[in-house]
Protein backbone atom coordinates (compact mmCIF):
# COMPACT_ATOMS: atom_id res chain seq x y z
CA MET A 1 11.87 -13.70 16.17
CA PRO A 2 13.97 -13.23 19.27
CA ALA A 3 17.76 -13.29 19.13
CA CYS A 4 19.96 -15.82 20.76
CA GLU A 5 22.80 -15.36 23.25
CA GLY A 6 25.00 -18.14 21.98
CA GLY A 7 25.59 -21.83 22.47
CA SER A 8 22.49 -23.90 23.23
CA ASP A 9 20.29 -20.79 23.06
CA CYS A 10 21.24 -20.35 19.35
CA ALA A 11 20.82 -24.07 18.72
CA SER A 12 17.30 -23.88 20.15
CA LEU A 13 16.53 -20.85 18.01
CA LEU A 14 17.93 -22.55 14.92
CA LYS A 15 15.75 -25.62 15.59
CA SER A 16 12.64 -23.45 15.95
CA LEU A 17 13.39 -21.62 12.72
CA ILE A 18 13.88 -24.80 10.78
CA GLU A 19 10.76 -26.39 12.27
CA SER A 20 8.53 -23.30 11.79
CA PRO A 21 5.62 -24.53 9.63
CA ASN A 22 4.98 -21.20 7.94
CA ARG A 23 8.41 -19.64 8.06
CA SER A 24 6.94 -16.26 8.96
CA TRP A 25 10.41 -15.20 10.15
CA VAL A 26 11.68 -15.09 6.59
CA GLY A 27 12.23 -11.43 5.71
CA GLN A 28 11.41 -10.09 9.12
CA PRO A 29 13.73 -7.26 10.20
CA GLN A 30 16.71 -8.35 12.22
CA LEU A 31 19.20 -6.21 14.12
CA PRO A 32 22.85 -6.45 13.00
CA ALA A 33 23.84 -8.07 16.32
CA ASP A 34 21.14 -10.75 15.80
CA HIS A 35 22.30 -11.36 12.15
CA ALA A 36 25.87 -11.63 13.41
CA THR A 37 25.05 -14.85 15.34
CA GLY A 38 24.58 -16.54 11.99
CA THR A 39 21.53 -18.44 13.23
CA ARG A 40 19.21 -17.29 10.51
CA LEU A 41 21.87 -17.96 7.86
CA PHE A 42 22.23 -21.55 9.05
CA ALA A 43 18.41 -21.89 8.88
CA TYR A 44 18.39 -20.64 5.32
CA ARG A 45 21.13 -23.07 4.50
CA ALA A 46 19.26 -25.98 6.13
CA LEU A 47 15.99 -25.05 4.42
CA ARG A 48 17.28 -24.05 0.99
CA GLU A 49 15.65 -26.93 -0.85
CA ARG A 50 12.36 -26.34 0.89
CA LEU A 51 12.14 -22.59 0.55
CA SER A 52 9.66 -21.25 -2.03
CA CYS A 53 10.94 -19.10 -4.85
CA PRO A 54 9.70 -15.93 -3.16
CA GLU A 55 11.30 -17.03 0.10
CA LEU A 56 14.62 -17.61 -1.68
CA SER A 57 14.42 -14.16 -3.22
CA THR A 58 13.53 -12.55 0.14
CA ALA A 59 16.36 -14.44 1.91
CA ARG A 60 18.91 -13.31 -0.69
CA SER A 61 17.81 -9.68 -0.37
CA GLU A 62 18.08 -9.90 3.38
CA ILE A 63 21.58 -11.36 3.15
CA GLU A 64 22.66 -8.68 0.61
CA ASP A 65 21.30 -5.90 2.84
CA ALA A 66 23.13 -7.35 5.88
CA SER A 67 26.33 -7.59 3.85
CA ALA A 68 26.08 -3.94 3.01
CA THR A 69 25.67 -3.14 6.73
CA PHE A 70 28.70 -5.19 7.79
CA LYS A 71 31.01 -3.53 5.28
CA ALA A 72 31.03 -0.52 7.60
CA PRO A 73 31.72 -0.55 11.32
CA VAL A 74 28.73 -1.79 13.37
CA ALA A 75 28.41 -0.91 17.04
CA GLY A 76 29.03 -3.94 19.23
CA ILE A 77 30.49 -6.05 16.41
CA SER A 78 34.25 -6.51 16.12
CA ALA A 79 35.99 -6.21 12.76
CA THR A 80 36.84 -9.88 12.92
CA GLN A 81 33.28 -10.89 13.65
CA ALA A 82 32.06 -8.65 10.78
CA LYS A 83 34.52 -10.34 8.39
CA ARG A 84 33.33 -13.76 9.47
CA ILE A 85 29.68 -12.90 8.90
CA LEU A 86 30.51 -11.43 5.49
CA VAL A 87 32.15 -14.70 4.49
CA LEU A 88 29.14 -16.72 5.78
CA ASN A 89 26.71 -14.28 4.06
CA ALA A 90 28.55 -14.76 0.75
CA ALA A 91 28.58 -18.57 1.08
CA VAL A 92 24.88 -18.82 1.96
CA ASN A 93 23.88 -16.32 -0.69
CA THR A 94 25.77 -18.34 -3.31
CA GLU A 95 23.97 -21.52 -2.19
CA LEU A 96 20.58 -19.78 -2.27
CA ARG A 97 21.28 -18.29 -5.72
CA ALA A 98 22.17 -21.71 -7.07
CA GLU A 99 18.97 -23.19 -5.65
CA GLN A 100 16.96 -20.27 -7.04
CA GLU A 101 18.51 -20.71 -10.54
CA ARG A 102 17.85 -24.45 -10.35
CA ARG A 103 14.15 -24.20 -9.45
CA CYS A 104 12.86 -20.68 -10.05
CA ARG A 105 12.49 -19.72 -13.64
CA GLY A 106 11.29 -16.35 -14.87
């Protein structure tokens, strides 16, 4: 899934992620700069009630991996931007975990 450059470009990408019928983008590798836009995180947030249990698990793993990446300096990402994405990662991960605990047993 291509990255977005900001503004309406990211809004278009978010719309396409949310409307994707098979959600093949879930779990696909993403560069730190692409993750830093937050677009995929907002898609996970919007889709949380529709994600399957395996998709919830994959999304949470992706977010946790990205969080580990952003705890160290990342080329092209300011410290302020990294802090913001870590906060958003934590919030979305908490929401996905709650959804997973609510629906996915075992």
